[in-house]
PDB file of N, CA and C in Angstrom:
ATOM      1  N   MET A   1       5.414   5.302  26.522  1.00  0.00           N
ATOM      2  CA  MET A   1       5.373   5.451  25.067  1.00  0.00           C
ATOM      3  C   MET A   1       5.601   4.094  24.399  1.00  0.00           C
ATOM      4  N   LYS A   2       4.880   3.864  23.313  1.00  0.00           N
ATOM      5  CA  LYS A   2       4.973   2.584  22.611  1.00  0.00           C
ATOM      6  C   LYS A   2       6.234   2.519  21.758  1.00  0.00           C
ATOM      7  N   SER A   3       6.777   1.311  21.635  1.00  0.00           N
ATOM      8  CA  SER A   3       7.935   1.107  20.772  1.00  0.00           C
ATOM      9  C   SER A   3       7.460   1.044  19.312  1.00  0.00           C
ATOM     10  N   GLU A   4       8.401   1.191  18.369  1.00  0.00           N
ATOM     11  CA  GLU A   4       8.050   1.079  16.949  1.00  0.00           C
ATOM     12  C   GLU A   4       7.396  -0.267  16.673  1.00  0.00           C
ATOM     13  N   GLN A   5       7.952  -1.332  17.260  1.00  0.00           N
ATOM     14  CA  GLN A   5       7.414  -2.673  17.045  1.00  0.00           C
ATOM     15  C   GLN A   5       5.970  -2.770  17.528  1.00  0.00           C
ATOM     16  N   GLU A   6       5.671  -2.192  18.687  1.00  0.00           N
ATOM     17  CA  GLU A   6       4.297  -2.213  19.218  1.00  0.00           C
ATOM     18  C   GLU A   6       3.342  -1.447  18.302  1.00  0.00           C
ATOM     19  N   ILE A   7       3.804  -0.315  17.793  1.00  0.00           N
ATOM     20  CA  ILE A   7       2.984   0.486  16.882  1.00  0.00           C
ATOM     21  C   ILE A   7       2.710  -0.294  15.604  1.00  0.00           C
ATOM     22  N   ILE A   8       3.733  -0.930  15.055  1.00  0.00           N
ATOM     23  CA  ILE A   8       3.588  -1.708  13.824  1.00  0.00           C
ATOM     24  C   ILE A   8       2.594  -2.854  14.031  1.00  0.00           C
ATOM     25  N   GLU A   9       2.740  -3.586  15.133  1.00  0.00           N
ATOM     26  CA  GLU A   9       1.835  -4.702  15.418  1.00  0.00           C
ATOM     27  C   GLU A   9       0.401  -4.225  15.607  1.00  0.00           C
ATOM     28  N   GLU A  10       0.231  -3.094  16.295  1.00  0.00           N
ATOM     29  CA  GLU A  10      -1.099  -2.538  16.505  1.00  0.00           C
ATOM     30  C   GLU A  10      -1.731  -2.144  15.177  1.00  0.00           C
ATOM     31  N   MET A  11      -0.962  -1.512  14.310  1.00  0.00           N
ATOM     32  CA  MET A  11      -1.471  -1.088  13.002  1.00  0.00           C
ATOM     33  C   MET A  11      -1.842  -2.303  12.143  1.00  0.00           C
ATOM     34  N   GLN A  12      -1.039  -3.370  12.218  1.00  0.00           N
ATOM     35  CA  GLN A  12      -1.349  -4.591  11.460  1.00  0.00           C
ATOM     36  C   GLN A  12      -2.713  -5.135  11.877  1.00  0.00           C
ATOM     37  N   GLN A  13      -2.976  -5.136  13.184  1.00  0.00           N
ATOM     38  CA  GLN A  13      -4.260  -5.639  13.688  1.00  0.00           C
ATOM     39  C   GLN A  13      -5.418  -4.740  13.252  1.00  0.00           C
ATOM     40  N   VAL A  14      -5.227  -3.439  13.363  1.00  0.00           N
ATOM     41  CA  VAL A  14      -6.277  -2.485  13.002  1.00  0.00           C
ATOM     42  C   VAL A  14      -6.627  -2.606  11.518  1.00  0.00           C
ATOM     43  N   VAL A  15      -5.609  -2.639  10.670  1.00  0.00           N
ATOM     44  CA  VAL A  15      -5.825  -2.669   9.222  1.00  0.00           C
ATOM     45  C   VAL A  15      -6.437  -4.009   8.795  1.00  0.00           C
ATOM     46  N   GLU A  16      -6.015  -5.103   9.417  1.00  0.00           N
ATOM     47  CA  GLU A  16      -6.609  -6.410   9.121  1.00  0.00           C
ATOM     48  C   GLU A  16      -8.072  -6.427   9.549  1.00  0.00           C
ATOM     49  N   GLN A  17      -8.386  -5.826  10.691  1.00  0.00           N
ATOM     50  CA  GLN A  17      -9.777  -5.770  11.156  1.00  0.00           C
ATOM     51  C   GLN A  17     -10.630  -4.956  10.195  1.00  0.00           C
ATOM     52  N   MET A  18     -10.079  -3.880   9.654  1.00  0.00           N
ATOM     53  CA  MET A  18     -10.810  -3.071   8.670  1.00  0.00           C
ATOM     54  C   MET A  18     -11.162  -3.927   7.456  1.00  0.00           C
ATOM     55  N   ARG A  19     -10.207  -4.744   7.011  1.00  0.00           N
ATOM     56  CA  ARG A  19     -10.429  -5.621   5.850  1.00  0.00           C
ATOM     57  C   ARG A  19     -11.548  -6.623   6.165  1.00  0.00           C
ATOM     58  N   LEU A  20     -11.475  -7.235   7.336  1.00  0.00           N
ATOM     59  CA  LEU A  20     -12.480  -8.221   7.736  1.00  0.00           C
ATOM     60  C   LEU A  20     -13.857  -7.565   7.895  1.00  0.00           C
ATOM     61  N   ASP A  21     -13.905  -6.359   8.452  1.00  0.00           N
ATOM     62  CA  ASP A  21     -15.171  -5.630   8.597  1.00  0.00           C
ATOM     63  C   ASP A  21     -15.789  -5.331   7.234  1.00  0.00           C
ATOM     64  N   ASP A  22     -14.951  -4.923   6.271  1.00  0.00           N
ATOM     65  CA  ASP A  22     -15.448  -4.646   4.918  1.00  0.00           C
ATOM     66  C   ASP A  22     -16.056  -5.902   4.305  1.00  0.00           C
ATOM     67  N   ILE A  23     -15.382  -7.035   4.485  1.00  0.00           N
ATOM     68  CA  ILE A  23     -15.879  -8.295   3.922  1.00  0.00           C
ATOM     69  C   ILE A  23     -17.197  -8.688   4.601  1.00  0.00           C
ATOM     70  N   GLU A  24     -17.281  -8.460   5.908  1.00  0.00           N
ATOM     71  CA  GLU A  24     -18.518  -8.765   6.643  1.00  0.00           C
ATOM     72  C   GLU A  24     -19.662  -7.879   6.148  1.00  0.00           C
ATOM     73  N   ASP A  25     -19.399  -6.586   5.946  1.00  0.00           N
ATOM     74  CA  ASP A  25     -20.417  -5.641   5.477  1.00  0.00           C
ATOM     75  C   ASP A  25     -20.802  -5.895   4.027  1.00  0.00           C
ATOM     76  N   ASN A  26     -19.819  -6.268   3.207  1.00  0.00           N
ATOM     77  CA  ASN A  26     -20.046  -6.491   1.779  1.00  0.00           C
ATOM     78  C   ASN A  26     -19.131  -7.616   1.304  1.00  0.00           C
ATOM     79  N   PRO A  27     -19.617  -8.860   1.337  1.00  0.00           N
ATOM     80  CA  PRO A  27     -18.776 -10.007   0.950  1.00  0.00           C
ATOM     81  C   PRO A  27     -18.139  -9.867  -0.441  1.00  0.00           C
ATOM     82  N   ASP A  28     -18.806  -9.138  -1.340  1.00  0.00           N
ATOM     83  CA  ASP A  28     -18.255  -8.957  -2.691  1.00  0.00           C
ATOM     84  C   ASP A  28     -16.965  -8.132  -2.682  1.00  0.00           C
ATOM     85  N   SER A  29     -16.725  -7.362  -1.609  1.00  0.00           N
ATOM     86  CA  SER A  29     -15.543  -6.496  -1.576  1.00  0.00           C
ATOM     87  C   SER A  29     -14.246  -7.306  -1.588  1.00  0.00           C
ATOM     88  N   GLU A  30     -14.340  -8.593  -1.244  1.00  0.00           N
ATOM     89  CA  GLU A  30     -13.156  -9.451  -1.290  1.00  0.00           C
ATOM     90  C   GLU A  30     -12.830  -9.849  -2.729  1.00  0.00           C
ATOM     91  N   ILE A  31     -13.865  -9.814  -3.591  1.00  0.00           N
ATOM     92  CA  ILE A  31     -13.722 -10.227  -4.995  1.00  0.00           C
ATOM     93  C   ILE A  31     -13.555  -9.021  -5.911  1.00  0.00           C
ATOM     94  N   GLU A  32     -14.313  -7.942  -5.613  1.00  0.00           N
ATOM     95  CA  GLU A  32     -14.232  -6.723  -6.428  1.00  0.00           C
ATOM     96  C   GLU A  32     -12.832  -6.130  -6.302  1.00  0.00           C
ATOM     97  N   THR A  33     -12.280  -5.689  -7.428  1.00  0.00           N
ATOM     98  CA  THR A  33     -10.912  -5.162  -7.414  1.00  0.00           C
ATOM     99  C   THR A  33     -10.860  -3.744  -7.974  1.00  0.00           C
ATOM    100  N   PHE A  34      -9.739  -3.100  -7.738  1.00  0.00           N
ATOM    101  CA  PHE A  34      -9.469  -1.757  -8.253  1.00  0.00           C
ATOM    102  C   PHE A  34      -7.953  -1.641  -8.378  1.00  0.00           C
ATOM    103  N   GLU A  35      -7.501  -0.618  -9.084  1.00  0.00           N
ATOM    104  CA  GLU A  35      -6.061  -0.380  -9.192  1.00  0.00           C
ATOM    105  C   GLU A  35      -5.654   0.611  -8.108  1.00  0.00           C
ATOM    106  N   CYS A  36      -4.779   0.161  -7.214  1.00  0.00           N
ATOM    107  CA  CYS A  36      -4.330   0.996  -6.103  1.00  0.00           C
ATOM    108  C   CYS A  36      -3.564   2.205  -6.641  1.00  0.00           C
ATOM    109  N   ASP A  37      -3.928   3.385  -6.138  1.00  0.00           N
ATOM    110  CA  ASP A  37      -3.257   4.621  -6.561  1.00  0.00           C
ATOM    111  C   ASP A  37      -1.840   4.735  -6.015  1.00  0.00           C
ATOM    112  N   CYS A  38      -1.494   3.859  -5.081  1.00  0.00           N
ATOM    113  CA  CYS A  38      -0.170   3.932  -4.464  1.00  0.00           C
ATOM    114  C   CYS A  38       0.790   2.920  -5.106  1.00  0.00           C
ATOM    115  N   CYS A  39       0.459   1.629  -5.029  1.00  0.00           N
ATOM    116  CA  CYS A  39       1.384   0.602  -5.551  1.00  0.00           C
ATOM    117  C   CYS A  39       1.123   0.274  -7.015  1.00  0.00           C
ATOM    118  N   GLY A  40      -0.055   0.683  -7.533  1.00  0.00           N
ATOM    119  CA  GLY A  40      -0.365   0.449  -8.938  1.00  0.00           C
ATOM    120  C   GLY A  40      -0.845  -0.960  -9.247  1.00  0.00           C
ATOM    121  N   GLU A  41      -0.991  -1.803  -8.227  1.00  0.00           N
ATOM    122  CA  GLU A  41      -1.421  -3.181  -8.447  1.00  0.00           C
ATOM    123  C   GLU A  41      -2.944  -3.281  -8.356  1.00  0.00           C
ATOM    124  N   THR A  42      -3.504  -4.324  -8.980  1.00  0.00           N
ATOM    125  CA  THR A  42      -4.930  -4.600  -8.882  1.00  0.00           C
ATOM    126  C   THR A  42      -5.157  -5.368  -7.594  1.00  0.00           C
ATOM    127  N   LYS A  43      -5.954  -4.783  -6.703  1.00  0.00           N
ATOM    128  CA  LYS A  43      -6.151  -5.356  -5.367  1.00  0.00           C
ATOM    129  C   LYS A  43      -7.630  -5.409  -5.020  1.00  0.00           C
ATOM    130  N   PRO A  44      -8.007  -6.264  -4.039  1.00  0.00           N
ATOM    131  CA  PRO A  44      -9.408  -6.316  -3.586  1.00  0.00           C
ATOM    132  C   PRO A  44      -9.823  -4.999  -2.930  1.00  0.00           C
ATOM    133  N   LEU A  45     -11.092  -4.674  -3.092  1.00  0.00           N
ATOM    134  CA  LEU A  45     -11.643  -3.458  -2.503  1.00  0.00           C
ATOM    135  C   LEU A  45     -11.667  -3.536  -0.970  1.00  0.00           C
ATOM    136  N   ALA A  46     -11.789  -4.750  -0.428  1.00  0.00           N
ATOM    137  CA  ALA A  46     -11.867  -4.939   1.029  1.00  0.00           C
ATOM    138  C   ALA A  46     -10.636  -4.348   1.709  1.00  0.00           C
ATOM    139  N   GLY A  47     -10.897  -3.499   2.702  1.00  0.00           N
ATOM    140  CA  GLY A  47      -9.803  -2.915   3.480  1.00  0.00           C
ATOM    141  C   GLY A  47      -9.133  -1.726   2.834  1.00  0.00           C
ATOM    142  N   SER A  48      -9.613  -1.334   1.655  1.00  0.00           N
ATOM    143  CA  SER A  48      -9.021  -0.164   0.997  1.00  0.00           C
ATOM    144  C   SER A  48      -9.623   1.097   1.617  1.00  0.00           C
ATOM    145  N   ILE A  49      -8.878   2.181   1.523  1.00  0.00           N
ATOM    146  CA  ILE A  49      -9.339   3.468   2.064  1.00  0.00           C
ATOM    147  C   ILE A  49      -8.979   4.560   1.057  1.00  0.00           C
ATOM    148  N   GLU A  50      -9.852   5.577   1.007  1.00  0.00           N
ATOM    149  CA  GLU A  50      -9.549   6.738   0.181  1.00  0.00           C
ATOM    150  C   GLU A  50      -8.979   7.838   1.068  1.00  0.00           C
ATOM    151  N   TYR A  51      -7.785   8.298   0.687  1.00  0.00           N
ATOM    152  CA  TYR A  51      -7.125   9.410   1.381  1.00  0.00           C
ATOM    153  C   TYR A  51      -6.896  10.504   0.356  1.00  0.00           C
ATOM    154  N   GLU A  52      -7.300  11.713   0.671  1.00  0.00           N
ATOM    155  CA  GLU A  52      -6.971  12.870  -0.172  1.00  0.00           C
ATOM    156  C   GLU A  52      -7.260  12.601  -1.649  1.00  0.00           C
ATOM    157  N   GLY A  53      -8.334  11.840  -1.934  1.00  0.00           N
ATOM    158  CA  GLY A  53      -8.694  11.549  -3.319  1.00  0.00           C
ATOM    159  C   GLY A  53      -7.959  10.370  -3.928  1.00  0.00           C
ATOM    160  N   TYR A  54      -7.092   9.702  -3.184  1.00  0.00           N
ATOM    161  CA  TYR A  54      -6.371   8.517  -3.662  1.00  0.00           C
ATOM    162  C   TYR A  54      -6.918   7.288  -2.950  1.00  0.00           C
ATOM    163  N   ARG A  55      -7.224   6.217  -3.709  1.00  0.00           N
ATOM    164  CA  ARG A  55      -7.667   4.970  -3.076  1.00  0.00           C
ATOM    165  C   ARG A  55      -6.465   4.050  -2.932  1.00  0.00           C
ATOM    166  N   LEU A  56      -6.231   3.632  -1.677  1.00  0.00           N
ATOM    167  CA  LEU A  56      -5.099   2.751  -1.366  1.00  0.00           C
ATOM    168  C   LEU A  56      -5.610   1.370  -0.986  1.00  0.00           C
ATOM    169  N   CYS A  57      -4.901   0.337  -1.451  1.00  0.00           N
ATOM    170  CA  CYS A  57      -5.236  -1.037  -1.099  1.00  0.00           C
ATOM    171  C   CYS A  57      -4.894  -1.281   0.371  1.00  0.00           C
ATOM    172  N   ASN A  58      -5.366  -2.389   0.898  1.00  0.00           N
ATOM    173  CA  ASN A  58      -5.155  -2.714   2.306  1.00  0.00           C
ATOM    174  C   ASN A  58      -3.669  -2.752   2.660  1.00  0.00           C
ATOM    175  N   ASP A  59      -2.826  -3.285   1.768  1.00  0.00           N
ATOM    176  CA  ASP A  59      -1.384  -3.339   2.034  1.00  0.00           C
ATOM    177  C   ASP A  59      -0.792  -1.937   2.151  1.00  0.00           C
ATOM    178  N   CYS A  60      -1.192  -1.050   1.241  1.00  0.00           N
ATOM    179  CA  CYS A  60      -0.677   0.323   1.268  1.00  0.00           C
ATOM    180  C   CYS A  60      -1.272   1.119   2.431  1.00  0.00           C
ATOM    181  N   VAL A  61      -2.525   0.788   2.816  1.00  0.00           N
ATOM    182  CA  VAL A  61      -3.126   1.418   3.995  1.00  0.00           C
ATOM    183  C   VAL A  61      -2.267   1.096   5.219  1.00  0.00           C
ATOM    184  N   LEU A  62      -1.812  -0.153   5.315  1.00  0.00           N
ATOM    185  CA  LEU A  62      -0.963  -0.549   6.438  1.00  0.00           C
ATOM    186  C   LEU A  62       0.322   0.277   6.449  1.00  0.00           C
ATOM    187  N   ILE A  63       0.938   0.413   5.292  1.00  0.00           N
ATOM    188  CA  ILE A  63       2.175   1.207   5.197  1.00  0.00           C
ATOM    189  C   ILE A  63       1.885   2.667   5.567  1.00  0.00           C
ATOM    190  N   ALA A  64       0.783   3.206   5.028  1.00  0.00           N
ATOM    191  CA  ALA A  64       0.431   4.610   5.288  1.00  0.00           C
ATOM    192  C   ALA A  64       0.158   4.835   6.772  1.00  0.00           C
ATOM    193  N   GLU A  65      -0.713   4.011   7.352  1.00  0.00           N
ATOM    194  CA  GLU A  65      -1.095   4.213   8.755  1.00  0.00           C
ATOM    195  C   GLU A  65       0.094   4.024   9.695  1.00  0.00           C
ATOM    196  N   THR A  66       0.930   3.045   9.398  1.00  0.00           N
ATOM    197  CA  THR A  66       2.128   2.821  10.214  1.00  0.00           C
ATOM    198  C   THR A  66       3.076   4.013  10.080  1.00  0.00           C
ATOM    199  N   SER A  67       3.250   4.494   8.860  1.00  0.00           N
ATOM    200  CA  SER A  67       4.128   5.648   8.619  1.00  0.00           C
ATOM    201  C   SER A  67       3.607   6.898   9.309  1.00  0.00           C
ATOM    202  N   PHE A  68       2.271   7.093   9.293  1.00  0.00           N
ATOM    203  CA  PHE A  68       1.679   8.228  10.021  1.00  0.00           C
ATOM    204  C   PHE A  68       1.960   8.090  11.514  1.00  0.00           C
ATOM    205  N   ALA A  69       1.689   6.893  12.056  1.00  0.00           N
ATOM    206  CA  ALA A  69       1.841   6.658  13.496  1.00  0.00           C
ATOM    207  C   ALA A  69       3.286   6.842  13.954  1.00  0.00           C
ATOM    208  N   LEU A  70       4.232   6.506  13.086  1.00  0.00           N
ATOM    209  CA  LEU A  70       5.651   6.630  13.431  1.00  0.00           C
ATOM    210  C   LEU A  70       6.212   8.011  13.086  1.00  0.00           C
ATOM    211  N   GLY A  71       5.354   8.866  12.490  1.00  0.00           N
ATOM    212  CA  GLY A  71       5.789  10.211  12.140  1.00  0.00           C
ATOM    213  C   GLY A  71       6.737  10.262  10.953  1.00  0.00           C
ATOM    214  N   LYS A  72       6.688   9.226  10.104  1.00  0.00           N
ATOM    215  CA  LYS A  72       7.585   9.164   8.934  1.00  0.00           C
ATOM    216  C   LYS A  72       7.055  10.002   7.770  1.00  0.00           C
ATOM    217  N   ILE A  73       5.725  10.103   7.669  1.00  0.00           N
ATOM    218  CA  ILE A  73       5.098  10.909   6.610  1.00  0.00           C
ATOM    219  C   ILE A  73       3.985  11.742   7.218  1.00  0.00           C
ATOM    220  N   LYS A  74       3.638  12.823   6.499  1.00  0.00           N
ATOM    221  CA  LYS A  74       2.553  13.690   6.955  1.00  0.00           C
ATOM    222  C   LYS A  74       1.343  13.612   6.026  1.00  0.00           C
ATOM    223  N   SER A  75       1.541  13.121   4.807  1.00  0.00           N
ATOM    224  CA  SER A  75       0.426  12.999   3.859  1.00  0.00           C
ATOM    225  C   SER A  75       0.623  11.759   2.984  1.00  0.00           C
ATOM    226  N   VAL A  76      -0.486  11.305   2.422  1.00  0.00           N
ATOM    227  CA  VAL A  76      -0.437  10.131   1.555  1.00  0.00           C
ATOM    228  C   VAL A  76       0.381  10.417   0.293  1.00  0.00           C
ATOM    229  N   THR A  77       0.379  11.674  -0.163  1.00  0.00           N
ATOM    230  CA  THR A  77       1.153  11.984  -1.374  1.00  0.00           C
ATOM    231  C   THR A  77       2.643  11.730  -1.146  1.00  0.00           C
ATOM    232  N   GLU A  78       3.127  11.930   0.074  1.00  0.00           N
ATOM    233  CA  GLU A  78       4.534  11.609   0.371  1.00  0.00           C
ATOM    234  C   GLU A  78       4.795  10.117   0.164  1.00  0.00           C
ATOM    235  N   LEU A  79       3.866   9.292   0.635  1.00  0.00           N
ATOM    236  CA  LEU A  79       4.000   7.844   0.475  1.00  0.00           C
ATOM    237  C   LEU A  79       3.935   7.453  -0.999  1.00  0.00           C
ATOM    238  N   ILE A  80       2.963   8.010  -1.716  1.00  0.00           N
ATOM    239  CA  ILE A  80       2.818   7.690  -3.144  1.00  0.00           C
ATOM    240  C   ILE A  80       4.088   8.083  -3.899  1.00  0.00           C
ATOM    241  N   ASP A  81       4.629   9.263  -3.614  1.00  0.00           N
ATOM    242  CA  ASP A  81       5.868   9.695  -4.276  1.00  0.00           C
ATOM    243  C   ASP A  81       7.009   8.736  -3.967  1.00  0.00           C
ATOM    244  N   ALA A  82       7.114   8.311  -2.711  1.00  0.00           N
ATOM    245  CA  ALA A  82       8.196   7.400  -2.321  1.00  0.00           C
ATOM    246  C   ALA A  82       8.045   6.054  -3.021  1.00  0.00           C
ATOM    247  N   ILE A  83       6.816   5.543  -3.096  1.00  0.00           N
ATOM    248  CA  ILE A  83       6.595   4.245  -3.743  1.00  0.00           C
ATOM    249  C   ILE A  83       6.773   4.370  -5.253  1.00  0.00           C
ATOM    250  N   GLU A  84       6.332   5.494  -5.833  1.00  0.00           N
ATOM    251  CA  GLU A  84       6.543   5.707  -7.270  1.00  0.00           C
ATOM    252  C   GLU A  84       8.032   5.701  -7.581  1.00  0.00           C
ATOM    253  N   ASP A  85       8.830   6.365  -6.738  1.00  0.00           N
ATOM    254  CA  ASP A  85      10.280   6.381  -6.944  1.00  0.00           C
ATOM    255  C   ASP A  85      10.835   4.964  -6.893  1.00  0.00           C
ATOM    256  N   LYS A  86      10.362   4.173  -5.928  1.00  0.00           N
ATOM    257  CA  LYS A  86      10.829   2.800  -5.781  1.00  0.00           C
ATOM    258  C   LYS A  86      10.403   1.963  -6.990  1.00  0.00           C
ATOM    259  N   ASN A  87       9.133   2.133  -7.434  1.00  0.00           N
ATOM    260  CA  ASN A  87       8.639   1.384  -8.594  1.00  0.00           C
ATOM    261  C   ASN A  87       9.377   1.787  -9.858  1.00  0.00           C
ATOM    262  N   LEU A  88       9.683   3.083  -9.991  1.00  0.00           N
ATOM    263  CA  LEU A  88      10.426   3.563 -11.143  1.00  0.00           C
ATOM    264  C   LEU A  88      11.827   2.949 -11.150  1.00  0.00           C
ATOM    265  N   GLU A  89      12.440   2.888  -9.975  1.00  0.00           N
ATOM    266  CA  GLU A  89      13.768   2.289  -9.848  1.00  0.00           C
ATOM    267  C   GLU A  89      13.733   0.807 -10.244  1.00  0.00           C
ATOM    268  N   LYS A  90      12.699   0.083  -9.804  1.00  0.00           N
ATOM    269  CA  LYS A  90      12.540  -1.333 -10.173  1.00  0.00           C
ATOM    270  C   LYS A  90      12.406  -1.471 -11.684  1.00  0.00           C
ATOM    271  N   LEU A  91      11.598  -0.596 -12.287  1.00  0.00           N
ATOM    272  CA  LEU A  91      11.374  -0.650 -13.729  1.00  0.00           C
ATOM    273  C   LEU A  91      12.671  -0.377 -14.489  1.00  0.00           C
ATOM    274  N   VAL A  92      13.415   0.629 -14.062  1.00  0.00           N
ATOM    275  CA  VAL A  92      14.690   0.958 -14.699  1.00  0.00           C
ATOM    276  C   VAL A  92      15.652  -0.227 -14.593  1.00  0.00           C
ATOM    277  N   ASN A  93      15.733  -0.836 -13.411  1.00  0.00           N
ATOM    278  CA  ASN A  93      16.613  -1.998 -13.231  1.00  0.00           C
ATOM    279  C   ASN A  93      16.172  -3.173 -14.101  1.00  0.00           C
ATOM    280  N   TYR A  94      14.859  -3.373 -14.214  1.00  0.00           N
ATOM    281  CA  TYR A  94      14.330  -4.450 -15.054  1.00  0.00           C
ATOM    282  C   TYR A  94      14.709  -4.214 -16.516  1.00  0.00           C
ATOM    283  N   ILE A  95      14.534  -2.981 -16.981  1.00  0.00           N
ATOM    284  CA  ILE A  95      14.867  -2.640 -18.370  1.00  0.00           C
ATOM    285  C   ILE A  95      16.353  -2.867 -18.624  1.00  0.00           C
ATOM    286  N   LYS A  96      17.205  -2.431 -17.692  1.00  0.00           N
ATOM    287  CA  LYS A  96      18.655  -2.627 -17.836  1.00  0.00           C
ATOM    288  C   LYS A  96      18.994  -4.104 -17.900  1.00  0.00           C
ATOM    289  N   THR A  97      18.359  -4.910 -17.047  1.00  0.00           N
ATOM    290  CA  THR A  97      18.607  -6.353 -17.028  1.00  0.00           C
ATOM    291  C   THR A  97      18.194  -6.979 -18.356  1.00  0.00           C
ATOM    292  N   GLU A  98      17.031  -6.582 -18.864  1.00  0.00           N
ATOM    293  CA  GLU A  98      16.558  -7.123 -20.135  1.00  0.00           C
ATOM    294  C   GLU A  98      17.470  -6.718 -21.288  1.00  0.00           C
ATOM    295  N   GLU A  99      17.966  -5.474 -21.252  1.00  0.00           N
ATOM    296  CA  GLU A  99      18.898  -5.005 -22.300  1.00  0.00           C
ATOM    297  C   GLU A  99      20.179  -5.852 -22.283  1.00  0.00           C
ATOM    298  N   ARG A 100      20.674  -6.136 -21.077  1.00  0.00           N
ATOM    299  CA  ARG A 100      21.879  -6.966 -20.954  1.00  0.00           C
ATOM    300  C   ARG A 100      21.646  -8.348 -21.532  1.00  0.00           C
ATOM    301  N   LYS A 101      20.467  -8.915 -21.281  1.00  0.00           N
ATOM    302  CA  LYS A 101      20.129 -10.245 -21.809  1.00  0.00           C
ATOM    303  C   LYS A 101      20.129 -10.207 -23.332  1.00  0.00           C
ATOM    304  N   LEU A 102      19.563  -9.143 -23.898  1.00  0.00           N
ATOM    305  CA  LEU A 102      19.479  -9.020 -25.362  1.00  0.00           C
ATOM    306  C   LEU A 102      20.858  -8.824 -25.987  1.00  0.00           C
ATOM    307  N   ASN A 103      21.729  -8.140 -25.280  1.00  0.00           N
ATOM    308  CA  ASN A 103      23.059  -7.840 -25.816  1.00  0.00           C
ATOM    309  C   ASN A 103      24.047  -8.972 -25.654  1.00  0.00           C
ATOM    310  N   ASN A 104      23.694 -10.004 -24.914  1.00  0.00           N
ATOM    311  CA  ASN A 104      24.605 -11.133 -24.706  1.00  0.00           C
ATOM    312  C   ASN A 104      24.291 -12.302 -25.600  1.00  0.00           C
TER     313      ASN A 104
END
């Protein structure tokens, strides 16, 4: 059985190859962008995948595929919910920090 580290390294290679294959098939995919349904950032189309109606950027695909392989999640919506919670937490902390700056 593979270790977590081996699985992570294998997934990194697979996902990077997907990105390179997309660029080879369509060089514009490295320039064309979209808003990732998972992290919310504007990312290149190259290496992105659509899961369950959600388009994920190459970085989020890596997180998703690694999480699937390690049995951490069963669906992309679990990942999106987890990242949304993390992004919401970042936003709340940012707002609190800005409020403190204004009040000082």
